[in-house]
Amino acid sequence: MRWWMTGLLLIALLAPTRVRAQEGPGVNIASPASGAVLHGLVELTGSSAADSFFVAEISFAYASDLSNWFFIASSDQPVTAGLLTTWDTNTVTDGDYVLRLRVTTQNFAVLEIFVTGLQIRNQTPAATAIVAPTTTPEIFSTAISAPTRTALPTAHILPSPTPLAPNSAIVTQPEIMTNLKRGLLIALVSFLAIGALILLRRN
């Protein structure tokens, strides 16, 4: 766009004459429709051929913040029931957005067309309304029978345990002392015998 067109566009944006509508004379967004779920490359179709057309601009904003608009494309050629531009939604994060077509005329009037409720879902699934399932009540007829008696379990008397025989492997303390003394005596005798043999060999 040449510099003089840029200057005129700035003057037009500051001009007080502005029309806001979903449908204007020769100006509309046919697709996407309000509430549409978008992903990937999206073709924006409609018309921008207003009387005394000068320039058209398409931009978007977060649904929660309509004070900041982000540029998509502009054109100095009017479009009648055709392709306005292609929007690559992969360049923005998933969320809810508003689309705006702004057409400025040669007499500095500005027409703005909005598409609200657009959902961009490239990474996350689209939000869907959860509908509660409808059920038909069913009537059940249940016969109540008299309770049946259950036989009580019979008590069984277990035989008394048989006493175990005394453990023959138990070693008493006197036996331990006797075996300890016997071992010390054997060790002493062996030590004396070895000492006597050593003395005899030296002699």
N, C-alpha and C. Protein backbone atom coordinates (compact mmCIF):
# COMPACT_ATOMS: atom_id res chain seq x y z
N MET A 1 0.85 -1.18 0.00
CA MET A 1 0.00 0.00 0.00
C MET A 1 0.89 1.25 0.00
N ARG A 2 0.61 2.21 -0.92
CA ARG A 2 1.42 3.40 -1.05
C ARG A 2 1.24 4.31 0.16
N TRP A 3 2.19 5.23 0.32
CA TRP A 3 2.19 6.07 1.52
C TRP A 3 0.94 6.94 1.61
N TRP A 4 0.45 7.40 0.47
CA TRP A 4 -0.73 8.26 0.52
C TRP A 4 -1.97 7.49 0.94
N MET A 5 -2.00 6.18 0.58
CA MET A 5 -3.12 5.37 1.02
C MET A 5 -3.04 5.14 2.52
N THR A 6 -1.82 4.96 3.02
CA THR A 6 -1.65 4.80 4.46
C THR A 6 -2.11 6.03 5.21
N GLY A 7 -1.78 7.21 4.66
CA GLY A 7 -2.20 8.45 5.30
C GLY A 7 -3.70 8.61 5.31
N LEU A 8 -4.34 8.27 4.19
CA LEU A 8 -5.79 8.36 4.14
C LEU A 8 -6.45 7.38 5.09
N LEU A 9 -5.83 6.19 5.21
CA LEU A 9 -6.38 5.19 6.12
C LEU A 9 -6.34 5.69 7.56
N LEU A 10 -5.23 6.33 7.94
CA LEU A 10 -5.13 6.87 9.30
C LEU A 10 -6.17 7.95 9.53
N ILE A 11 -6.39 8.79 8.51
CA ILE A 11 -7.42 9.82 8.67
C ILE A 11 -8.79 9.20 8.81
N ALA A 12 -9.01 8.12 8.04
CA ALA A 12 -10.30 7.44 8.10
C ALA A 12 -10.54 6.81 9.46
N LEU A 13 -9.48 6.26 10.03
CA LEU A 13 -9.62 5.62 11.34
C LEU A 13 -9.97 6.63 12.42
N LEU A 14 -9.51 7.88 12.23
CA LEU A 14 -9.79 8.91 13.21
C LEU A 14 -11.09 9.65 12.93
N ALA A 15 -11.71 9.34 11.79
CA ALA A 15 -12.95 10.03 11.44
C ALA A 15 -14.06 9.58 12.35
N PRO A 16 -15.01 10.45 12.70
CA PRO A 16 -16.08 10.10 13.63
C PRO A 16 -17.16 9.25 13.02
N THR A 17 -17.32 9.26 11.67
CA THR A 17 -18.41 8.52 11.04
C THR A 17 -18.07 7.03 11.04
N ARG A 18 -18.85 6.23 11.74
CA ARG A 18 -18.56 4.80 11.86
C ARG A 18 -19.87 4.05 12.00
N VAL A 19 -19.98 2.95 11.28
CA VAL A 19 -21.18 2.13 11.32
C VAL A 19 -20.78 0.75 11.81
N ARG A 20 -21.48 0.23 12.82
CA ARG A 20 -21.23 -1.12 13.33
C ARG A 20 -22.46 -1.97 13.05
N ALA A 21 -22.25 -3.06 12.33
CA ALA A 21 -23.39 -3.93 12.00
C ALA A 21 -22.86 -5.28 11.59
N GLN A 22 -23.71 -6.30 11.70
CA GLN A 22 -23.36 -7.62 11.21
C GLN A 22 -23.50 -7.70 9.68
N GLU A 23 -24.39 -6.91 9.14
CA GLU A 23 -24.58 -6.84 7.70
C GLU A 23 -24.63 -5.38 7.29
N GLY A 24 -23.79 -4.99 6.34
CA GLY A 24 -23.80 -3.63 5.84
C GLY A 24 -24.09 -3.64 4.35
N PRO A 25 -24.27 -2.48 3.75
CA PRO A 25 -24.50 -2.41 2.30
C PRO A 25 -23.26 -2.85 1.53
N GLY A 26 -23.31 -4.09 1.03
CA GLY A 26 -22.17 -4.63 0.30
C GLY A 26 -21.04 -5.10 1.17
N VAL A 27 -21.24 -5.17 2.48
CA VAL A 27 -20.19 -5.58 3.41
C VAL A 27 -20.73 -6.67 4.32
N ASN A 28 -20.09 -7.83 4.33
CA ASN A 28 -20.50 -8.91 5.24
C ASN A 28 -19.41 -9.96 5.29
N ILE A 29 -19.47 -10.79 6.32
CA ILE A 29 -18.61 -11.97 6.45
C ILE A 29 -19.52 -13.18 6.36
N ALA A 30 -19.39 -13.94 5.28
CA ALA A 30 -20.25 -15.11 5.08
C ALA A 30 -19.73 -16.33 5.83
N SER A 31 -18.41 -16.46 5.91
CA SER A 31 -17.81 -17.61 6.58
C SER A 31 -16.47 -17.18 7.15
N PRO A 32 -16.17 -17.59 8.39
CA PRO A 32 -16.91 -18.52 9.25
C PRO A 32 -18.10 -17.83 9.93
N ALA A 33 -19.04 -18.66 10.35
CA ALA A 33 -20.21 -18.15 11.05
C ALA A 33 -19.92 -18.04 12.54
N SER A 34 -20.73 -17.28 13.23
CA SER A 34 -20.57 -17.11 14.67
C SER A 34 -20.71 -18.46 15.37
N GLY A 35 -19.76 -18.73 16.30
CA GLY A 35 -19.76 -19.99 17.05
C GLY A 35 -19.02 -21.11 16.37
N ALA A 36 -18.39 -20.86 15.21
CA ALA A 36 -17.70 -21.92 14.48
C ALA A 36 -16.42 -22.33 15.20
N VAL A 37 -16.02 -23.59 15.01
CA VAL A 37 -14.77 -24.12 15.54
C VAL A 37 -13.75 -24.12 14.40
N LEU A 38 -12.62 -23.45 14.60
CA LEU A 38 -11.63 -23.27 13.54
C LEU A 38 -10.33 -23.98 13.89
N HIS A 39 -9.65 -24.45 12.86
CA HIS A 39 -8.32 -25.03 13.03
C HIS A 39 -7.60 -25.00 11.69
N GLY A 40 -6.27 -24.85 11.77
CA GLY A 40 -5.47 -24.81 10.55
C GLY A 40 -5.72 -23.55 9.74
N LEU A 41 -5.63 -23.69 8.40
CA LEU A 41 -5.88 -22.57 7.50
C LEU A 41 -7.38 -22.42 7.29
N VAL A 42 -7.88 -21.21 7.52
CA VAL A 42 -9.32 -20.95 7.42
C VAL A 42 -9.55 -19.88 6.36
N GLU A 43 -10.40 -20.17 5.40
CA GLU A 43 -10.77 -19.19 4.38
C GLU A 43 -11.87 -18.28 4.90
N LEU A 44 -11.60 -16.98 4.86
CA LEU A 44 -12.59 -15.98 5.28
C LEU A 44 -13.26 -15.45 4.01
N THR A 45 -14.54 -15.69 3.89
CA THR A 45 -15.27 -15.28 2.68
C THR A 45 -16.33 -14.26 3.04
N GLY A 46 -16.71 -13.48 2.06
CA GLY A 46 -17.74 -12.47 2.26
C GLY A 46 -17.61 -11.38 1.22
N SER A 47 -18.04 -10.18 1.57
CA SER A 47 -18.02 -9.03 0.65
C SER A 47 -17.50 -7.81 1.38
N SER A 48 -16.71 -7.03 0.67
CA SER A 48 -16.21 -5.76 1.21
C SER A 48 -16.50 -4.61 0.25
N ALA A 49 -17.34 -4.86 -0.76
CA ALA A 49 -17.60 -3.87 -1.82
C ALA A 49 -18.64 -2.84 -1.38
N ALA A 50 -18.26 -2.00 -0.44
CA ALA A 50 -19.15 -0.92 0.00
C ALA A 50 -19.12 0.20 -1.04
N ASP A 51 -20.13 1.03 -1.02
CA ASP A 51 -20.15 2.20 -1.91
C ASP A 51 -18.96 3.09 -1.58
N SER A 52 -18.30 3.59 -2.64
CA SER A 52 -17.12 4.44 -2.49
C SER A 52 -16.02 3.73 -1.70
N PHE A 53 -15.83 2.43 -1.97
CA PHE A 53 -14.82 1.63 -1.27
C PHE A 53 -13.45 2.26 -1.39
N PHE A 54 -12.71 2.22 -0.27
CA PHE A 54 -11.33 2.68 -0.28
C PHE A 54 -10.36 1.58 0.13
N VAL A 55 -10.53 1.00 1.32
CA VAL A 55 -9.64 -0.05 1.80
C VAL A 55 -10.40 -0.92 2.80
N ALA A 56 -10.01 -2.20 2.86
CA ALA A 56 -10.61 -3.15 3.81
C ALA A 56 -9.50 -3.78 4.65
N GLU A 57 -9.83 -4.02 5.89
CA GLU A 57 -8.87 -4.64 6.81
C GLU A 57 -9.58 -5.68 7.65
N ILE A 58 -8.91 -6.83 7.83
CA ILE A 58 -9.45 -7.91 8.66
C ILE A 58 -8.50 -8.12 9.83
N SER A 59 -9.06 -8.19 11.02
CA SER A 59 -8.27 -8.39 12.23
C SER A 59 -9.06 -9.24 13.21
N PHE A 60 -8.39 -9.65 14.29
CA PHE A 60 -9.05 -10.48 15.31
C PHE A 60 -8.66 -9.98 16.69
N ALA A 61 -9.46 -10.39 17.68
CA ALA A 61 -9.19 -10.05 19.08
C ALA A 61 -9.64 -11.20 19.95
N TYR A 62 -9.06 -11.27 21.15
CA TYR A 62 -9.52 -12.25 22.13
C TYR A 62 -10.94 -11.87 22.57
N ALA A 63 -11.77 -12.86 22.74
CA ALA A 63 -13.15 -12.58 23.15
C ALA A 63 -13.20 -11.88 24.50
N SER A 64 -12.19 -12.09 25.33
CA SER A 64 -12.17 -11.47 26.66
C SER A 64 -11.53 -10.09 26.66
N ASP A 65 -10.99 -9.64 25.51
CA ASP A 65 -10.32 -8.35 25.46
C ASP A 65 -10.51 -7.75 24.07
N LEU A 66 -11.58 -6.99 23.90
CA LEU A 66 -11.88 -6.38 22.60
C LEU A 66 -11.21 -5.04 22.42
N SER A 67 -10.32 -4.66 23.34
CA SER A 67 -9.61 -3.39 23.21
C SER A 67 -8.34 -3.53 22.38
N ASN A 68 -7.87 -4.76 22.17
CA ASN A 68 -6.65 -5.00 21.40
C ASN A 68 -6.98 -5.88 20.20
N TRP A 69 -6.72 -5.35 19.01
CA TRP A 69 -6.99 -6.07 17.76
C TRP A 69 -5.68 -6.36 17.06
N PHE A 70 -5.62 -7.55 16.44
CA PHE A 70 -4.40 -8.01 15.78
C PHE A 70 -4.67 -8.16 14.28
N PHE A 71 -3.75 -7.61 13.51
CA PHE A 71 -3.90 -7.52 12.06
C PHE A 71 -3.79 -8.91 11.41
N ILE A 72 -4.68 -9.19 10.46
CA ILE A 72 -4.61 -10.41 9.64
C ILE A 72 -4.23 -10.07 8.21
N ALA A 73 -5.02 -9.19 7.57
CA ALA A 73 -4.75 -8.82 6.18
C ALA A 73 -5.50 -7.55 5.83
N SER A 74 -5.08 -6.89 4.74
CA SER A 74 -5.78 -5.72 4.22
C SER A 74 -5.77 -5.79 2.70
N SER A 75 -6.69 -5.05 2.10
CA SER A 75 -6.79 -5.06 0.64
C SER A 75 -7.35 -3.72 0.17
N ASP A 76 -6.81 -3.25 -0.96
CA ASP A 76 -7.33 -2.03 -1.56
C ASP A 76 -8.24 -2.35 -2.74
N GLN A 77 -8.65 -3.62 -2.85
CA GLN A 77 -9.56 -4.04 -3.90
C GLN A 77 -10.83 -4.60 -3.25
N PRO A 78 -11.99 -4.12 -3.66
CA PRO A 78 -13.23 -4.64 -3.06
C PRO A 78 -13.51 -6.06 -3.51
N VAL A 79 -14.17 -6.83 -2.65
CA VAL A 79 -14.52 -8.22 -2.92
C VAL A 79 -16.03 -8.35 -2.82
N THR A 80 -16.60 -9.04 -3.79
CA THR A 80 -18.04 -9.29 -3.78
C THR A 80 -18.28 -10.79 -3.73
N ALA A 81 -18.81 -11.26 -2.62
CA ALA A 81 -19.13 -12.68 -2.42
C ALA A 81 -17.96 -13.57 -2.84
N GLY A 82 -16.81 -13.33 -2.24
CA GLY A 82 -15.62 -14.10 -2.58
C GLY A 82 -14.70 -14.26 -1.40
N LEU A 83 -13.46 -14.61 -1.70
CA LEU A 83 -12.46 -14.85 -0.67
C LEU A 83 -11.87 -13.52 -0.21
N LEU A 84 -12.03 -13.24 1.06
CA LEU A 84 -11.46 -12.02 1.63
C LEU A 84 -9.98 -12.21 1.94
N THR A 85 -9.67 -13.31 2.63
CA THR A 85 -8.27 -13.65 2.92
C THR A 85 -8.26 -15.05 3.54
N THR A 86 -7.08 -15.57 3.80
CA THR A 86 -6.91 -16.86 4.48
C THR A 86 -6.22 -16.61 5.80
N TRP A 87 -6.78 -17.17 6.87
CA TRP A 87 -6.27 -16.97 8.23
C TRP A 87 -5.61 -18.25 8.70
N ASP A 88 -4.32 -18.16 9.05
CA ASP A 88 -3.59 -19.31 9.59
C ASP A 88 -3.76 -19.30 11.10
N THR A 89 -4.68 -20.11 11.59
CA THR A 89 -4.96 -20.13 13.03
C THR A 89 -3.89 -20.85 13.83
N ASN A 90 -2.92 -21.49 13.14
CA ASN A 90 -1.82 -22.13 13.86
C ASN A 90 -0.90 -21.11 14.51
N THR A 91 -0.99 -19.86 14.09
CA THR A 91 -0.11 -18.82 14.64
C THR A 91 -0.64 -18.22 15.93
N VAL A 92 -1.82 -18.62 16.37
CA VAL A 92 -2.39 -18.11 17.62
C VAL A 92 -2.71 -19.29 18.53
N THR A 93 -2.82 -18.98 19.80
CA THR A 93 -3.11 -20.03 20.77
C THR A 93 -4.60 -20.39 20.73
N ASP A 94 -4.90 -21.59 21.19
CA ASP A 94 -6.29 -22.01 21.25
C ASP A 94 -7.07 -21.12 22.22
N GLY A 95 -8.29 -20.80 21.84
CA GLY A 95 -9.13 -19.96 22.68
C GLY A 95 -10.33 -19.47 21.91
N ASP A 96 -11.02 -18.50 22.50
CA ASP A 96 -12.22 -17.92 21.91
C ASP A 96 -11.88 -16.53 21.36
N TYR A 97 -12.32 -16.27 20.12
CA TYR A 97 -11.91 -15.06 19.43
C TYR A 97 -13.11 -14.37 18.76
N VAL A 98 -12.87 -13.11 18.38
CA VAL A 98 -13.83 -12.31 17.61
C VAL A 98 -13.12 -11.84 16.35
N LEU A 99 -13.80 -11.95 15.22
CA LEU A 99 -13.24 -11.53 13.93
C LEU A 99 -13.89 -10.21 13.52
N ARG A 100 -13.10 -9.32 12.89
CA ARG A 100 -13.63 -8.01 12.49
C ARG A 100 -13.22 -7.69 11.05
N LEU A 101 -14.19 -7.31 10.25
CA LEU A 101 -13.95 -6.77 8.91
C LEU A 101 -14.25 -5.28 8.96
N ARG A 102 -13.24 -4.47 8.70
CA ARG A 102 -13.41 -3.01 8.72
C ARG A 102 -13.20 -2.47 7.30
N VAL A 103 -14.21 -1.81 6.78
CA VAL A 103 -14.15 -1.22 5.44
C VAL A 103 -14.21 0.30 5.58
N THR A 104 -13.24 0.98 5.00
CA THR A 104 -13.19 2.44 5.01
C THR A 104 -13.54 2.95 3.61
N THR A 105 -14.43 3.90 3.54
CA THR A 105 -14.84 4.46 2.26
C THR A 105 -14.05 5.72 1.94
N GLN A 106 -14.24 6.21 0.70
CA GLN A 106 -13.50 7.39 0.26
C GLN A 106 -13.99 8.67 0.94
N ASN A 107 -15.17 8.64 1.51
CA ASN A 107 -15.65 9.80 2.27
C ASN A 107 -15.39 9.63 3.77
N PHE A 108 -14.44 8.72 4.09
CA PHE A 108 -13.95 8.51 5.46
C PHE A 108 -14.98 7.88 6.39
N ALA A 109 -15.96 7.20 5.85
CA ALA A 109 -16.88 6.43 6.69
C ALA A 109 -16.26 5.05 6.94
N VAL A 110 -16.50 4.51 8.11
CA VAL A 110 -15.94 3.21 8.49
C VAL A 110 -17.07 2.26 8.83
N LEU A 111 -17.10 1.12 8.14
CA LEU A 111 -18.09 0.08 8.42
C LEU A 111 -17.37 -1.09 9.07
N GLU A 112 -17.89 -1.59 10.17
CA GLU A 112 -17.25 -2.68 10.91
C GLU A 112 -18.23 -3.85 11.04
N ILE A 113 -17.79 -5.01 10.61
CA ILE A 113 -18.57 -6.24 10.70
C ILE A 113 -17.86 -7.18 11.66
N PHE A 114 -18.58 -7.78 12.60
CA PHE A 114 -17.99 -8.65 13.61
C PHE A 114 -18.58 -10.06 13.51
N VAL A 115 -17.72 -11.05 13.78
CA VAL A 115 -18.16 -12.44 13.95
C VAL A 115 -17.68 -12.89 15.32
N THR A 116 -18.60 -13.19 16.20
CA THR A 116 -18.27 -13.50 17.60
C THR A 116 -18.34 -15.01 17.85
N GLY A 117 -17.79 -15.39 19.00
CA GLY A 117 -17.90 -16.78 19.46
C GLY A 117 -17.08 -17.77 18.67
N LEU A 118 -16.01 -17.33 18.00
CA LEU A 118 -15.17 -18.26 17.22
C LEU A 118 -14.24 -19.02 18.17
N GLN A 119 -14.17 -20.33 17.98
CA GLN A 119 -13.32 -21.17 18.82
C GLN A 119 -12.18 -21.71 17.97
N ILE A 120 -10.95 -21.37 18.35
CA ILE A 120 -9.78 -21.94 17.69
C ILE A 120 -9.32 -23.13 18.52
N ARG A 121 -9.29 -24.29 17.88
CA ARG A 121 -8.96 -25.54 18.58
C ARG A 121 -7.98 -26.33 17.72
N ASN A 122 -6.71 -25.94 17.75
CA ASN A 122 -5.67 -26.70 17.06
C ASN A 122 -5.02 -27.74 17.96
N GLN A 123 -4.99 -27.48 19.26
CA GLN A 123 -4.35 -28.38 20.22
C GLN A 123 -5.34 -29.02 21.17
N THR A 124 -6.45 -28.36 21.44
CA THR A 124 -7.43 -28.87 22.41
C THR A 124 -8.75 -29.13 21.70
N PRO A 125 -9.53 -30.11 22.19
CA PRO A 125 -10.84 -30.37 21.57
C PRO A 125 -11.80 -29.24 21.81
N ALA A 126 -12.75 -29.11 20.92
CA ALA A 126 -13.75 -28.05 21.04
C ALA A 126 -14.68 -28.34 22.19
N ALA A 127 -15.14 -27.28 22.84
CA ALA A 127 -16.07 -27.44 23.96
C ALA A 127 -17.44 -27.81 23.42
N THR A 128 -17.99 -28.85 23.96
CA THR A 128 -19.31 -29.31 23.54
C THR A 128 -20.25 -29.32 24.73
N ALA A 129 -21.48 -29.03 24.47
CA ALA A 129 -22.48 -29.03 25.55
C ALA A 129 -22.80 -30.46 25.95
N ILE A 130 -22.88 -30.68 27.25
CA ILE A 130 -23.18 -32.00 27.78
C ILE A 130 -24.68 -32.09 28.02
N VAL A 131 -25.33 -32.99 27.31
CA VAL A 131 -26.79 -33.16 27.43
C VAL A 131 -27.07 -34.38 28.28
N ALA A 132 -27.87 -34.19 29.32
CA ALA A 132 -28.20 -35.31 30.20
C ALA A 132 -29.08 -36.30 29.44
N PRO A 133 -28.79 -37.59 29.53
CA PRO A 133 -29.59 -38.58 28.81
C PRO A 133 -31.01 -38.64 29.36
N THR A 134 -31.96 -38.81 28.45
CA THR A 134 -33.35 -38.93 28.87
C THR A 134 -33.67 -40.39 29.12
N THR A 135 -34.31 -40.64 30.22
CA THR A 135 -34.65 -42.02 30.60
C THR A 135 -36.14 -42.12 30.83
N THR A 136 -36.67 -43.27 30.52
CA THR A 136 -38.09 -43.54 30.75
C THR A 136 -38.23 -44.35 32.03
N PRO A 137 -39.02 -43.87 32.99
CA PRO A 137 -39.13 -44.62 34.24
C PRO A 137 -39.77 -45.98 34.01
N GLU A 138 -39.24 -46.96 34.67
CA GLU A 138 -39.76 -48.32 34.57
C GLU A 138 -40.34 -48.73 35.91
N ILE A 139 -41.47 -49.42 35.85
CA ILE A 139 -42.15 -49.88 37.06
C ILE A 139 -41.85 -51.36 37.24
N PHE A 140 -41.31 -51.71 38.38
CA PHE A 140 -40.98 -53.09 38.68
C PHE A 140 -41.94 -53.62 39.75
N SER A 141 -42.47 -54.80 39.52
CA SER A 141 -43.33 -55.46 40.49
C SER A 141 -42.54 -56.60 41.11
N THR A 142 -42.27 -56.46 42.39
CA THR A 142 -41.47 -57.45 43.08
C THR A 142 -42.32 -58.13 44.15
N ALA A 143 -42.38 -59.45 44.08
CA ALA A 143 -43.12 -60.21 45.09
C ALA A 143 -42.26 -60.36 46.33
N ILE A 144 -42.86 -60.04 47.48
CA ILE A 144 -42.13 -60.14 48.74
C ILE A 144 -42.47 -61.49 49.36
N SER A 145 -41.50 -62.35 49.46
CA SER A 145 -41.70 -63.68 50.03
C SER A 145 -41.32 -63.67 51.50
N ALA A 146 -41.91 -64.61 52.22
CA ALA A 146 -41.62 -64.71 53.65
C ALA A 146 -40.18 -65.15 53.84
N PRO A 147 -39.54 -64.63 54.86
CA PRO A 147 -38.14 -65.01 55.07
C PRO A 147 -38.04 -66.48 55.46
N THR A 148 -37.04 -67.12 54.90
CA THR A 148 -36.81 -68.54 55.20
C THR A 148 -35.83 -68.65 56.35
N ARG A 149 -36.06 -69.67 57.18
CA ARG A 149 -35.18 -69.88 58.32
C ARG A 149 -33.93 -70.65 57.88
N THR A 150 -32.83 -70.18 58.35
CA THR A 150 -31.56 -70.82 58.02
C THR A 150 -31.11 -71.62 59.22
N ALA A 151 -30.75 -72.89 58.97
CA ALA A 151 -30.32 -73.76 60.06
C ALA A 151 -29.02 -73.24 60.66
N LEU A 152 -28.96 -73.27 61.98
CA LEU A 152 -27.76 -72.80 62.66
C LEU A 152 -26.66 -73.85 62.54
N PRO A 153 -25.44 -73.41 62.45
CA PRO A 153 -24.35 -74.39 62.35
C PRO A 153 -24.22 -75.22 63.63
N THR A 154 -23.88 -76.49 63.46
CA THR A 154 -23.71 -77.41 64.59
C THR A 154 -22.35 -77.21 65.22
N ALA A 155 -22.36 -77.14 66.59
CA ALA A 155 -21.10 -76.95 67.30
C ALA A 155 -20.33 -78.26 67.36
N HIS A 156 -19.06 -78.20 67.05
CA HIS A 156 -18.19 -79.38 67.10
C HIS A 156 -17.19 -79.19 68.23
N ILE A 157 -17.05 -80.23 69.05
CA ILE A 157 -16.11 -80.20 70.17
C ILE A 157 -14.80 -80.77 69.69
N LEU A 158 -13.77 -79.97 69.75
CA LEU A 158 -12.45 -80.40 69.31
C LEU A 158 -11.79 -81.22 70.40
N PRO A 159 -11.04 -82.28 70.05
CA PRO A 159 -10.33 -83.09 71.08
C PRO A 159 -9.25 -82.27 71.75
N SER A 160 -9.03 -82.57 73.03
CA SER A 160 -8.00 -81.84 73.79
C SER A 160 -6.63 -82.23 73.25
N PRO A 161 -5.72 -81.30 73.24
CA PRO A 161 -4.38 -81.59 72.69
C PRO A 161 -3.62 -82.58 73.53
N THR A 162 -2.86 -83.46 72.88
CA THR A 162 -2.04 -84.47 73.55
C THR A 162 -0.74 -83.85 74.00
N PRO A 163 -0.34 -84.02 75.28
CA PRO A 163 0.92 -83.42 75.75
C PRO A 163 2.11 -84.00 75.01
N LEU A 164 3.06 -83.16 74.70
CA LEU A 164 4.25 -83.58 73.97
C LEU A 164 5.21 -84.29 74.90
N ALA A 165 5.99 -85.20 74.32
CA ALA A 165 7.01 -85.94 75.08
C ALA A 165 8.14 -85.01 75.43
N PRO A 166 8.81 -85.23 76.55
CA PRO A 166 9.95 -84.36 76.94
C PRO A 166 11.03 -84.40 75.87
N ASN A 167 11.65 -83.24 75.64
CA ASN A 167 12.69 -83.10 74.63
C ASN A 167 13.99 -83.67 75.18
N SER A 168 14.48 -84.73 74.53
CA SER A 168 15.71 -85.39 74.99
C SER A 168 16.94 -84.59 74.63
N ALA A 169 16.79 -83.58 73.77
CA ALA A 169 17.95 -82.82 73.33
C ALA A 169 18.26 -81.66 74.26
N ILE A 170 17.46 -81.46 75.32
CA ILE A 170 17.70 -80.35 76.24
C ILE A 170 18.93 -80.66 77.08
N VAL A 171 19.89 -79.71 77.17
CA VAL A 171 21.12 -79.88 77.96
C VAL A 171 20.98 -79.02 79.22
N THR A 172 21.19 -79.67 80.39
CA THR A 172 21.07 -78.94 81.65
C THR A 172 22.36 -78.23 81.98
N GLN A 173 22.28 -77.28 82.93
CA GLN A 173 23.46 -76.50 83.28
C GLN A 173 24.55 -77.35 83.93
N PRO A 174 24.22 -78.34 84.82
CA PRO A 174 25.30 -79.18 85.37
C PRO A 174 26.05 -79.94 84.29
N GLU A 175 25.31 -80.42 83.27
CA GLU A 175 25.99 -81.16 82.19
C GLU A 175 26.94 -80.23 81.43
N ILE A 176 26.53 -78.96 81.28
CA ILE A 176 27.40 -78.02 80.57
C ILE A 176 28.69 -77.80 81.35
N MET A 177 28.60 -77.62 82.68
CA MET A 177 29.80 -77.39 83.50
C MET A 177 30.72 -78.60 83.48
N THR A 178 30.13 -79.81 83.53
CA THR A 178 30.95 -81.04 83.53
C THR A 178 31.71 -81.16 82.23
N ASN A 179 31.03 -80.92 81.11
CA ASN A 179 31.70 -81.03 79.81
C ASN A 179 32.76 -79.97 79.65
N LEU A 180 32.54 -78.77 80.23
CA LEU A 180 33.53 -77.70 80.15
C LEU A 180 34.79 -78.08 80.92
N LYS A 181 34.62 -78.63 82.14
CA LYS A 181 35.79 -79.04 82.93
C LYS A 181 36.54 -80.15 82.23
N ARG A 182 35.79 -81.09 81.64
CA ARG A 182 36.43 -82.22 80.96
C ARG A 182 37.26 -81.70 79.79
N GLY A 183 36.75 -80.73 79.09
CA GLY A 183 37.49 -80.19 77.95
C GLY A 183 38.75 -79.48 78.39
N LEU A 184 38.66 -78.70 79.47
CA LEU A 184 39.86 -78.01 79.96
C LEU A 184 40.92 -78.99 80.40
N LEU A 185 40.47 -80.11 81.06
CA LEU A 185 41.44 -81.11 81.52
C LEU A 185 42.14 -81.77 80.35
N ILE A 186 41.39 -82.10 79.32
CA ILE A 186 41.99 -82.75 78.14
C ILE A 186 42.99 -81.80 77.48
N ALA A 187 42.63 -80.50 77.41
CA ALA A 187 43.54 -79.53 76.79
C ALA A 187 44.82 -79.39 77.60
N LEU A 188 44.69 -79.42 78.95
CA LEU A 188 45.89 -79.28 79.80
C LEU A 188 46.81 -80.49 79.65
N VAL A 189 46.21 -81.69 79.65
CA VAL A 189 47.02 -82.91 79.50
C VAL A 189 47.73 -82.90 78.16
N SER A 190 47.02 -82.50 77.12
CA SER A 190 47.63 -82.48 75.79
C SER A 190 48.78 -81.48 75.74
N PHE A 191 48.62 -80.35 76.41
CA PHE A 191 49.67 -79.35 76.42
C PHE A 191 50.91 -79.87 77.14
N LEU A 192 50.71 -80.57 78.28
CA LEU A 192 51.85 -81.12 79.03
C LEU A 192 52.55 -82.21 78.24
N ALA A 193 51.79 -83.05 77.55
CA ALA A 193 52.39 -84.13 76.78
C ALA A 193 53.24 -83.58 75.65
N ILE A 194 52.75 -82.54 74.99
CA ILE A 194 53.51 -81.94 73.89
C ILE A 194 54.78 -81.30 74.42
N GLY A 195 54.71 -80.65 75.61
CA GLY A 195 55.90 -80.03 76.18
C GLY A 195 56.94 -81.08 76.57
N ALA A 196 56.49 -82.26 77.09
CA ALA A 196 57.43 -83.30 77.46
C ALA A 196 58.12 -83.86 76.22
N LEU A 197 57.41 -84.07 75.15
CA LEU A 197 58.01 -84.58 73.92
C LEU A 197 59.06 -83.63 73.37
N ILE A 198 58.79 -82.34 73.47
CA ILE A 198 59.77 -81.36 72.98
C ILE A 198 61.03 -81.40 73.82
N LEU A 199 60.92 -81.54 75.15
CA LEU A 199 62.11 -81.61 76.01
C LEU A 199 62.90 -82.86 75.74
N LEU A 200 62.22 -84.02 75.51
CA LEU A 200 62.94 -85.25 75.23
C LEU A 200 63.71 -85.16 73.93
N ARG A 201 63.18 -84.52 72.93
CA ARG A 201 63.89 -84.43 71.66
C ARG A 201 65.12 -83.52 71.77
N ARG A 202 65.06 -82.52 72.60
CA ARG A 202 66.24 -81.64 72.76
C ARG A 202 67.35 -82.35 73.48
N ASN A 203 67.00 -83.25 74.44
CA ASN A 203 68.04 -83.97 75.17
C ASN A 203 68.60 -85.09 74.27
